């Protein structure tokens, strides 16, 4: 029966193809706009590491000025980053399964002169646990170990793109690359890893590309490195001048992540942080009330406003636009169906039930919705490609907004819903036509 109804629906579409094209185009336009903006929001809102997001926690300590709260829309929040001296001390805890302080720096990289000229690149300084904690995939080699952290040993991990640039994509494990005035040995090359949201560092733009180079954080001191990210500070100048003064001062510029596999571990770690802060209070630090935060991934993303309010608003508007498109097409479908009233009267006289007539016209509406949906998805892909091209100029990456399986299913469902909204009332009206009136005309 379904195949029969589909055949009748196709014949109906061909019979008045101009009107059918207008109806399909209206659905396609609504699906394109709603799919594009729904996908945009989905990219920002989805879980970046679903299998571990409930055991990864972002750590904050409120070491801020007692005279005024940390700048922001919520005066109860602590600084978004921690000081170097606090990072060093809390890294001594053996409670987390894995842990890593981190920051990024902008350093000169010197490739082989035959390959290219020296250029600045963003380098993320981390500890060895960073790679297994965030499940970074490796194409060649692996990350370094704790011994390399302690040294520190001159080792680096390269992104796939950086390896292509420096070594032509070959297995570069064991080779060396000069960064600033030092030679570093490559121990690993990442496979493709480009999370849409840079969830491990939300202190700046959430859609920035991951850094192309990773090196041990303990090179901070011997190379006198400075952060290329945000830095917040308060209080009097530190007793020690220059670089060392920055390390012992109250400047907050490092991110801190821990992996706590159970509720008991989380509670134990929170108790550890509390004890640490209380100890520091006795030395005159942490003048504000106790306000430590150990925040899971999704809660941290929400707190940082990763999903822009404007994107959510545009998604709602786009869905309303789809509904308006469907409602406006209702009149066209009603006129089209009523034009076939004599034919329907004959079918009713020959024994067709109202339900049969209703189902046949609903199938036609859904066919219109599906065809419009397919065209709409194609238009949405073009729109997303345009947005990605624009993103290259503002975030140096053009792969953020992609239509995944979830959004493809949503587009299909929306096309069916739009078909129903546009066609249920016209189908109901036409199935209630009295056959006797049109039989007299015939």
Protein backbone atom coordinates (compact mmCIF):
# COMPACT_ATOMS: atom_id res chain seq x y z
CA UNK A 1 0.00 0.00 0.00
CA UNK A 2 2.85 2.38 0.80
CA UNK A 3 4.43 1.82 -2.61
CA UNK A 4 1.07 2.49 -4.26
CA UNK A 5 0.66 5.74 -2.32
CA UNK A 6 4.22 6.77 -3.22
CA UNK A 7 3.51 6.14 -6.91
CA UNK A 8 0.32 8.22 -6.74
CA UNK A 9 2.26 10.96 -4.90
CA UNK A 10 4.97 11.04 -7.59
CA UNK A 11 2.35 11.28 -10.34
CA UNK A 12 0.70 14.15 -8.45
CA UNK A 13 4.00 16.00 -8.17
CA UNK A 14 4.70 15.58 -11.89
CA UNK A 15 1.18 16.65 -12.87
CA UNK A 16 1.71 20.19 -11.57
CA UNK A 17 5.46 20.39 -11.33
CA UNK A 18 5.65 24.19 -11.05
CA UNK A 19 3.46 24.30 -7.94
CA UNK A 20 5.21 21.21 -6.58
CA UNK A 21 8.59 22.89 -7.08
CA UNK A 22 7.44 25.96 -5.12
CA UNK A 23 6.27 23.77 -2.23
CA UNK A 24 9.47 21.69 -2.23
CA UNK A 25 11.55 24.87 -2.41
CA UNK A 26 9.78 26.33 0.61
CA UNK A 27 10.49 23.21 2.66
CA UNK A 28 14.10 23.14 1.41
CA UNK A 29 14.71 26.75 2.45
CA UNK A 30 13.32 26.12 5.94
CA UNK A 31 15.34 22.92 6.36
CA UNK A 32 18.53 24.59 5.12
CA UNK A 33 18.33 27.46 7.61
CA UNK A 34 17.27 25.31 10.57
CA UNK A 35 19.87 22.61 9.86
CA UNK A 36 22.67 25.14 9.48
CA UNK A 37 22.01 26.92 12.78
CA UNK A 38 21.14 23.73 14.67
CA UNK A 39 24.45 22.25 13.54
CA UNK A 40 26.30 25.39 14.60
CA UNK A 41 24.90 25.15 18.12
CA UNK A 42 25.42 21.38 18.23
CA UNK A 43 29.13 21.81 17.51
CA UNK A 44 29.53 24.16 20.46
CA UNK A 45 27.33 22.19 22.86
CA UNK A 46 28.26 18.55 22.26
CA UNK A 47 30.45 16.60 24.67
CA UNK A 48 34.06 16.82 23.38
CA UNK A 49 35.22 13.69 25.22
CA UNK A 50 32.05 11.71 26.12
CA UNK A 51 33.77 8.60 27.46
CA UNK A 52 35.78 10.56 30.04
CA UNK A 53 34.02 13.86 30.63
CA UNK A 54 32.68 12.71 34.00
CA UNK A 55 36.16 11.95 35.40
CA UNK A 56 38.11 14.95 34.07
CA UNK A 57 38.06 18.03 36.28
CA UNK A 58 39.29 21.59 35.91
CA UNK A 59 40.88 22.93 39.11
CA UNK A 60 40.62 26.49 40.42
CA UNK A 61 41.75 28.14 43.65
CA UNK A 62 40.56 31.54 44.86
CA UNK A 63 43.82 33.37 45.57
CA UNK A 64 42.39 36.69 44.37
CA UNK A 65 42.32 40.18 45.89
CA UNK A 66 40.25 40.38 49.13
CA UNK A 67 39.14 43.93 48.27
CA UNK A 68 37.26 43.04 45.09
CA UNK A 69 36.00 39.89 43.35
CA UNK A 70 37.58 38.39 40.26
CA UNK A 71 36.30 40.30 37.19
CA UNK A 72 33.27 38.74 35.53
CA UNK A 73 29.51 38.49 35.68
CA UNK A 74 29.55 36.28 38.80
CA UNK A 75 31.42 37.73 41.82
CA UNK A 76 31.44 34.32 43.55
CA UNK A 77 33.69 32.70 40.94
CA UNK A 78 37.41 32.24 41.56
CA UNK A 79 40.02 33.11 38.90
CA UNK A 80 39.82 30.95 35.78
CA UNK A 81 43.49 29.94 36.13
CA UNK A 82 45.96 29.31 38.95
CA UNK A 83 49.39 30.61 39.90
CA UNK A 84 52.61 28.79 39.07
CA UNK A 85 53.50 28.26 42.73
CA UNK A 86 50.10 26.68 43.44
CA UNK A 87 50.35 24.45 40.38
CA UNK A 88 53.73 23.15 41.55
CA UNK A 89 52.42 22.34 45.01
CA UNK A 90 49.15 20.66 44.10
CA UNK A 91 50.92 18.60 41.42
CA UNK A 92 52.60 16.81 44.34
CA UNK A 93 49.32 15.07 45.21
CA UNK A 94 49.12 11.36 44.41
CA UNK A 95 45.30 11.29 44.53
CA UNK A 96 44.55 11.93 40.82
CA UNK A 97 45.02 9.08 38.38
CA UNK A 98 46.53 11.67 36.04
CA UNK A 99 47.15 15.40 36.30
CA UNK A 100 48.73 18.19 34.34
CA UNK A 101 49.25 21.90 34.64
CA UNK A 102 49.61 23.62 31.28
CA UNK A 103 49.93 26.84 29.35
CA UNK A 104 50.84 27.93 25.84
CA UNK A 105 53.78 29.99 24.65
CA UNK A 106 54.76 31.50 21.31
CA UNK A 107 58.24 30.30 20.30
CA UNK A 108 60.45 30.37 17.22
CA UNK A 109 60.77 27.06 15.39
CA UNK A 110 63.74 26.56 13.06
CA UNK A 111 63.09 23.95 10.36
CA UNK A 112 65.72 22.65 7.99
CA UNK A 113 66.67 25.60 5.73
CA UNK A 114 65.72 23.45 2.74
CA UNK A 115 62.19 23.15 4.13
CA UNK A 116 61.39 26.69 5.16
CA UNK A 117 62.30 29.78 7.11
CA UNK A 118 62.09 30.14 10.91
CA UNK A 119 58.65 31.05 12.13
CA UNK A 120 56.78 31.48 15.37
CA UNK A 121 54.48 28.69 16.49
CA UNK A 122 52.24 28.16 19.49
CA UNK A 123 53.70 25.53 21.82
CA UNK A 124 51.68 23.91 24.61
CA UNK A 125 53.75 23.13 27.67
CA UNK A 126 52.33 20.18 29.59
CA UNK A 127 53.24 17.20 31.74
CA UNK A 128 53.40 13.60 30.51
CA UNK A 129 49.89 12.79 31.79
CA UNK A 130 48.36 15.26 29.34
CA UNK A 131 48.39 12.79 26.44
CA UNK A 132 46.68 9.78 28.07
CA UNK A 133 44.39 12.03 30.13
CA UNK A 134 42.85 13.59 27.02
CA UNK A 135 43.28 10.48 24.84
CA UNK A 136 45.39 12.11 22.16
CA UNK A 137 45.87 9.67 19.23
CA UNK A 138 49.39 8.98 17.96
CA UNK A 139 50.42 8.25 14.39
CA UNK A 140 54.08 7.68 15.27
CA UNK A 141 55.72 7.15 18.64
CA UNK A 142 54.08 8.30 21.87
CA UNK A 143 54.24 10.97 24.53
CA UNK A 144 57.12 11.26 26.97
CA UNK A 145 57.25 9.82 30.50
CA UNK A 146 57.55 11.24 34.00
CA UNK A 147 61.33 10.99 33.87
CA UNK A 148 61.39 13.39 30.92
CA UNK A 149 59.20 15.78 32.94
CA UNK A 150 61.57 15.72 35.89
CA UNK A 151 64.75 16.31 33.85
CA UNK A 152 63.46 18.05 31.92
CA UNK A 153 64.52 16.16 28.81
CA UNK A 154 64.48 18.02 25.46
CA UNK A 155 61.63 16.10 23.84
CA UNK A 156 58.60 17.22 21.84
CA UNK A 157 55.42 15.85 20.35
CA UNK A 158 54.31 17.27 16.99
CA UNK A 159 50.87 17.53 15.49
CA UNK A 160 50.32 15.77 12.18
CA UNK A 161 50.20 19.14 10.38
CA UNK A 162 53.44 20.34 11.97
CA UNK A 163 55.14 17.05 11.11
CA UNK A 164 54.01 17.45 7.50
CA UNK A 165 55.49 20.95 7.49
CA UNK A 166 58.82 20.08 9.12
CA UNK A 167 59.45 16.53 7.89
CA UNK A 168 57.19 16.06 4.89
CA UNK A 169 54.88 13.71 6.76
CA UNK A 170 57.54 11.04 7.34
CA UNK A 171 58.03 9.21 10.62
CA UNK A 172 60.09 11.83 12.46
CA UNK A 173 60.46 9.99 15.78
CA UNK A 174 64.12 10.28 16.82
CA UNK A 175 64.80 13.32 14.66
CA UNK A 176 65.48 16.75 16.12
CA UNK A 177 63.90 20.14 15.68
CA UNK A 178 65.30 23.43 16.92
CA UNK A 179 62.98 25.53 19.10
CA UNK A 180 64.42 28.89 20.15
CA UNK A 181 68.07 28.11 21.04
CA UNK A 182 67.66 24.39 21.86
CA UNK A 183 67.46 21.13 19.96
CA UNK A 184 64.49 18.92 20.85
CA UNK A 185 64.08 15.25 19.97
CA UNK A 186 60.75 14.19 18.48
CA UNK A 187 59.23 11.34 20.51
CA UNK A 188 55.76 11.30 18.98
CA UNK A 189 53.59 12.56 16.14
CA UNK A 190 49.87 12.93 16.70
CA UNK A 191 47.28 11.49 14.39
CA UNK A 192 44.39 13.73 13.36
CA UNK A 193 43.14 15.43 16.54
CA UNK A 194 41.16 18.61 16.08
CA UNK A 195 38.36 18.88 18.66
CA UNK A 196 35.79 21.44 17.54
CA UNK A 197 35.95 23.09 20.97
CA UNK A 198 39.35 23.51 22.61
CA UNK A 199 37.87 22.29 25.88
CA UNK A 200 41.18 21.83 27.70
CA UNK A 201 41.87 25.59 27.47
CA UNK A 202 38.79 27.80 27.44
CA UNK A 203 40.57 30.92 28.63
CA UNK A 204 40.53 32.36 25.11
CA UNK A 205 38.52 31.55 21.95
CA UNK A 206 36.81 28.17 22.34
CA UNK A 207 37.24 27.20 18.67
CA UNK A 208 40.96 27.80 18.31
CA UNK A 209 42.94 24.99 16.71
CA UNK A 210 45.09 22.84 19.03
CA UNK A 211 48.73 23.88 19.30
CA UNK A 212 51.06 22.19 16.78
CA UNK A 213 53.86 21.45 19.28
CA UNK A 214 53.93 20.01 22.83
CA UNK A 215 56.92 20.07 25.19
CA UNK A 216 57.61 19.45 28.91
CA UNK A 217 56.36 22.29 31.11
CA UNK A 218 59.50 22.23 33.23
CA UNK A 219 61.38 23.95 30.39
CA UNK A 220 59.56 27.04 31.61
CA UNK A 221 62.39 28.00 33.98
CA UNK A 222 65.53 27.21 31.96
CA UNK A 223 64.11 28.87 28.84
CA UNK A 224 62.41 31.70 30.78
CA UNK A 225 59.19 31.21 28.85
CA UNK A 226 56.18 33.48 29.05
CA UNK A 227 52.56 32.65 28.40
CA UNK A 228 50.86 33.53 25.13
CA UNK A 229 47.48 33.18 26.82
CA UNK A 230 45.57 35.20 29.39
CA UNK A 231 47.26 36.33 32.58
CA UNK A 232 45.55 37.93 35.60
CA UNK A 233 47.27 39.27 38.68
CA UNK A 234 46.87 41.50 41.70
CA UNK A 235 48.73 42.66 44.79
CA UNK A 236 52.11 44.31 45.40
CA UNK A 237 55.14 43.58 43.27
CA UNK A 238 56.82 40.29 44.23
CA UNK A 239 59.93 40.41 46.39
CA UNK A 240 62.01 38.85 43.61
CA UNK A 241 62.39 40.89 40.42
CA UNK A 242 61.97 39.79 36.82
CA UNK A 243 61.08 36.31 35.67
CA UNK A 244 61.46 34.59 39.06
CA UNK A 245 59.23 37.20 40.64
CA UNK A 246 56.46 36.28 38.23
CA UNK A 247 56.70 32.64 39.27
CA UNK A 248 56.32 33.36 42.99
CA UNK A 249 53.77 36.18 42.61
CA UNK A 250 49.97 36.09 42.53
CA UNK A 251 49.66 36.10 38.76
CA UNK A 252 47.21 33.45 37.51
CA UNK A 253 48.16 32.08 34.08
CA UNK A 254 48.17 28.26 34.14
CA UNK A 255 45.37 25.79 33.54
CA UNK A 256 45.14 22.71 35.77
CA UNK A 257 43.36 19.43 34.96
CA UNK A 258 43.06 16.22 36.98
CA UNK A 259 41.56 12.81 36.28
CA UNK A 260 39.61 11.45 39.25
CA UNK A 261 38.03 8.06 38.40
CA UNK A 262 35.60 7.87 41.35
CA UNK A 263 33.51 10.01 43.70
CA UNK A 264 35.76 8.97 46.56
CA UNK A 265 38.82 10.22 44.68
CA UNK A 266 37.09 13.51 43.94
CA UNK A 267 36.17 13.98 47.59
CA UNK A 268 39.70 13.11 48.68
CA UNK A 269 41.14 15.59 46.19
CA UNK A 270 38.78 18.35 47.33
CA UNK A 271 39.86 17.66 50.92
CA UNK A 272 43.50 17.87 49.80
CA UNK A 273 42.91 21.26 48.15
CA UNK A 274 41.11 22.52 51.24
CA UNK A 275 44.01 21.49 53.47
CA UNK A 276 46.50 23.11 51.08
CA UNK A 277 44.63 26.43 50.99
CA UNK A 278 44.20 26.48 54.79
CA UNK A 279 47.93 25.91 55.14
CA UNK A 280 48.62 28.78 52.72
CA UNK A 281 46.27 31.04 54.66
CA UNK A 282 48.52 30.66 57.69
CA UNK A 283 51.34 32.17 55.64
CA UNK A 284 49.22 35.17 54.66
CA UNK A 285 48.05 34.00 51.23
CA UNK A 286 44.47 33.29 50.05
CA UNK A 287 42.84 36.19 51.94
CA UNK A 288 39.40 35.50 50.49
CA UNK A 289 36.95 32.90 51.89
CA UNK A 290 37.66 29.29 50.93
CA UNK A 291 36.40 28.85 47.36
CA UNK A 292 38.08 25.93 45.59
CA UNK A 293 36.43 24.54 42.46
CA UNK A 294 36.86 21.06 40.94
CA UNK A 295 34.64 21.27 37.87
CA UNK A 296 33.84 18.49 35.34
CA UNK A 297 34.22 19.13 31.61
CA UNK A 298 30.61 19.87 30.63
CA UNK A 299 29.96 22.07 33.67
CA UNK A 300 33.16 23.99 32.93
CA UNK A 301 32.10 24.51 29.31
CA UNK A 302 28.70 25.78 30.47
CA UNK A 303 30.26 28.11 33.04
CA UNK A 304 32.59 29.55 30.41
CA UNK A 305 29.70 30.16 28.03
CA UNK A 306 31.08 27.99 25.23
CA UNK A 307 27.66 28.01 23.55
CA UNK A 308 27.11 31.68 22.61
CA UNK A 309 23.65 32.99 23.49
CA UNK A 310 23.41 34.43 20.00
CA UNK A 311 23.86 30.97 18.47
CA UNK A 312 21.06 29.52 20.62
CA UNK A 313 18.81 32.44 19.68
CA UNK A 314 19.54 31.95 15.98
CA UNK A 315 18.73 28.24 16.26
CA UNK A 316 15.35 29.03 17.83
CA UNK A 317 14.63 31.65 15.16
CA UNK A 318 15.60 29.19 12.41
CA UNK A 319 13.21 26.54 13.75
CA UNK A 320 10.43 29.13 13.91
CA UNK A 321 11.30 30.10 10.33
CA UNK A 322 10.86 26.46 9.28
CA UNK A 323 7.46 26.37 11.00
CA UNK A 324 6.43 29.58 9.21
CA UNK A 325 7.53 28.12 5.87
CA UNK A 326 5.46 25.00 6.52
CA UNK A 327 2.38 26.99 7.58
CA UNK A 328 2.61 29.23 4.51
CA UNK A 329 2.75 26.17 2.27
CA UNK A 330 -0.45 24.85 3.83
CA UNK A 331 -2.59 27.07 1.58
CA UNK A 332 -0.78 25.92 -1.57
CA UNK A 333 -1.26 22.27 -0.67
CA UNK A 334 -4.92 22.86 0.19
CA UNK A 335 -5.54 24.47 -3.18
CA UNK A 336 -3.68 21.68 -4.95
CA UNK A 337 -5.62 18.94 -3.16
CA UNK A 338 -9.03 20.62 -3.62
CA UNK A 339 -8.35 20.90 -7.35
CA UNK A 340 -8.44 17.09 -7.40
CA UNK A 341 -11.81 16.94 -5.63
CA UNK A 342 -13.70 15.35 -8.58
CA UNK A 343 -11.12 12.57 -8.81
CA UNK A 344 -11.36 11.99 -5.07
CA UNK A 345 -15.17 11.92 -5.28
CA UNK A 346 -15.00 9.12 -7.85
CA UNK A 347 -12.57 7.15 -5.69
CA UNK A 348 -14.82 7.56 -2.66
CA UNK A 349 -17.82 6.35 -4.70
CA UNK A 350 -15.84 3.28 -5.76
CA UNK A 351 -15.26 2.34 -2.12
CA UNK A 352 -12.17 4.22 -0.96
CA UNK A 353 -12.35 5.07 2.73
CA UNK A 354 -11.69 8.51 4.13
CA UNK A 355 -8.67 7.06 5.91
CA UNK A 356 -7.28 5.81 2.58
CA UNK A 357 -7.65 9.27 1.03
CA UNK A 358 -6.12 10.92 4.09
CA UNK A 359 -3.12 8.56 4.18
CA UNK A 360 -2.51 8.99 0.46
CA UNK A 361 -2.30 12.76 0.77
CA UNK A 362 -0.20 12.61 3.95
CA UNK A 363 2.26 10.36 2.09
CA UNK A 364 2.42 12.96 -0.67
CA UNK A 365 3.12 15.68 1.91
CA UNK A 366 5.86 13.59 3.49
CA UNK A 367 7.39 12.92 0.09
CA UNK A 368 7.46 16.67 -0.48
CA UNK A 369 9.08 17.06 2.94
CA UNK A 370 11.76 14.44 2.26
CA UNK A 371 12.64 15.86 -1.16
CA UNK A 372 12.74 19.35 0.31
CA UNK A 373 14.83 18.01 3.19
CA UNK A 374 17.43 16.51 0.85
CA UNK A 375 17.73 19.76 -1.06
CA UNK A 376 17.80 21.68 2.23
CA UNK A 377 20.65 19.55 3.60
CA UNK A 378 22.64 20.23 0.43
CA UNK A 379 22.04 23.96 0.89
CA UNK A 380 22.97 23.70 4.58
CA UNK A 381 26.26 22.02 3.66
CA UNK A 382 27.00 24.95 1.40
CA UNK A 383 26.16 27.37 4.21
CA UNK A 384 28.39 25.51 6.67
CA UNK A 385 31.21 25.53 4.12
CA UNK A 386 30.84 29.31 3.87
CA UNK A 387 30.96 29.66 7.68
CA UNK A 388 34.05 27.42 7.84
CA UNK A 389 35.74 29.53 5.20
CA UNK A 390 34.99 32.62 7.27
CA UNK A 391 36.37 30.86 10.36
CA UNK A 392 39.74 30.59 8.63
CA UNK A 393 40.10 34.34 8.94
CA UNK A 394 39.05 34.59 12.62
CA UNK A 395 40.28 31.32 14.15
CA UNK A 396 42.80 29.98 11.61
CA UNK A 397 40.80 26.81 11.05
CA UNK A 398 38.12 25.80 8.58
CA UNK A 399 36.95 22.45 9.93
CA UNK A 400 34.80 23.44 12.91
CA UNK A 401 31.24 23.12 11.63
CA UNK A 402 30.53 19.70 10.15
CA UNK A 403 27.20 17.94 9.61
CA UNK A 404 27.43 14.73 11.63
CA UNK A 405 25.07 11.76 11.93
CA UNK A 406 22.99 13.33 14.70
CA UNK A 407 22.34 16.45 12.65
CA UNK A 408 21.55 14.40 9.54
CA UNK A 409 18.91 12.49 11.50
CA UNK A 410 17.57 15.77 12.91
CA UNK A 411 17.28 17.18 9.39
CA UNK A 412 15.32 14.12 8.27
CA UNK A 413 12.98 14.38 11.27
CA UNK A 414 12.49 18.11 10.70
CA UNK A 415 11.61 17.49 7.05
CA UNK A 416 8.97 14.94 8.08
CA UNK A 417 7.57 17.30 10.71
CA UNK A 418 7.49 20.17 8.21
CA UNK A 419 5.65 17.95 5.74
CA UNK A 420 3.09 17.06 8.40
CA UNK A 421 2.61 20.69 9.47
CA UNK A 422 2.07 21.76 5.88
CA UNK A 423 -0.10 18.84 4.82
CA UNK A 424 -2.18 17.38 7.65
CA UNK A 425 -4.94 20.00 7.48
CA UNK A 426 -5.22 19.98 3.64
CA UNK A 427 -5.29 16.16 3.70
CA UNK A 428 -8.01 16.19 6.37
CA UNK A 429 -10.08 18.71 4.39
CA UNK A 430 -9.90 16.80 1.15
CA UNK A 431 -10.80 13.44 2.71
CA UNK A 432 -14.05 14.95 4.05
CA UNK A 433 -15.33 15.92 0.59
CA UNK A 434 -18.80 14.49 -0.07
CA UNK A 435 -18.52 12.28 -3.19
CA UNK A 436 -22.12 12.86 -4.31
CA UNK A 437 -21.50 16.52 -5.18
CA UNK A 438 -18.72 15.72 -7.61
CA UNK A 439 -20.42 12.64 -9.04
CA UNK A 440 -23.29 14.89 -10.22
CA UNK A 441 -20.73 17.11 -11.93
CA UNK A 442 -19.09 14.09 -13.54
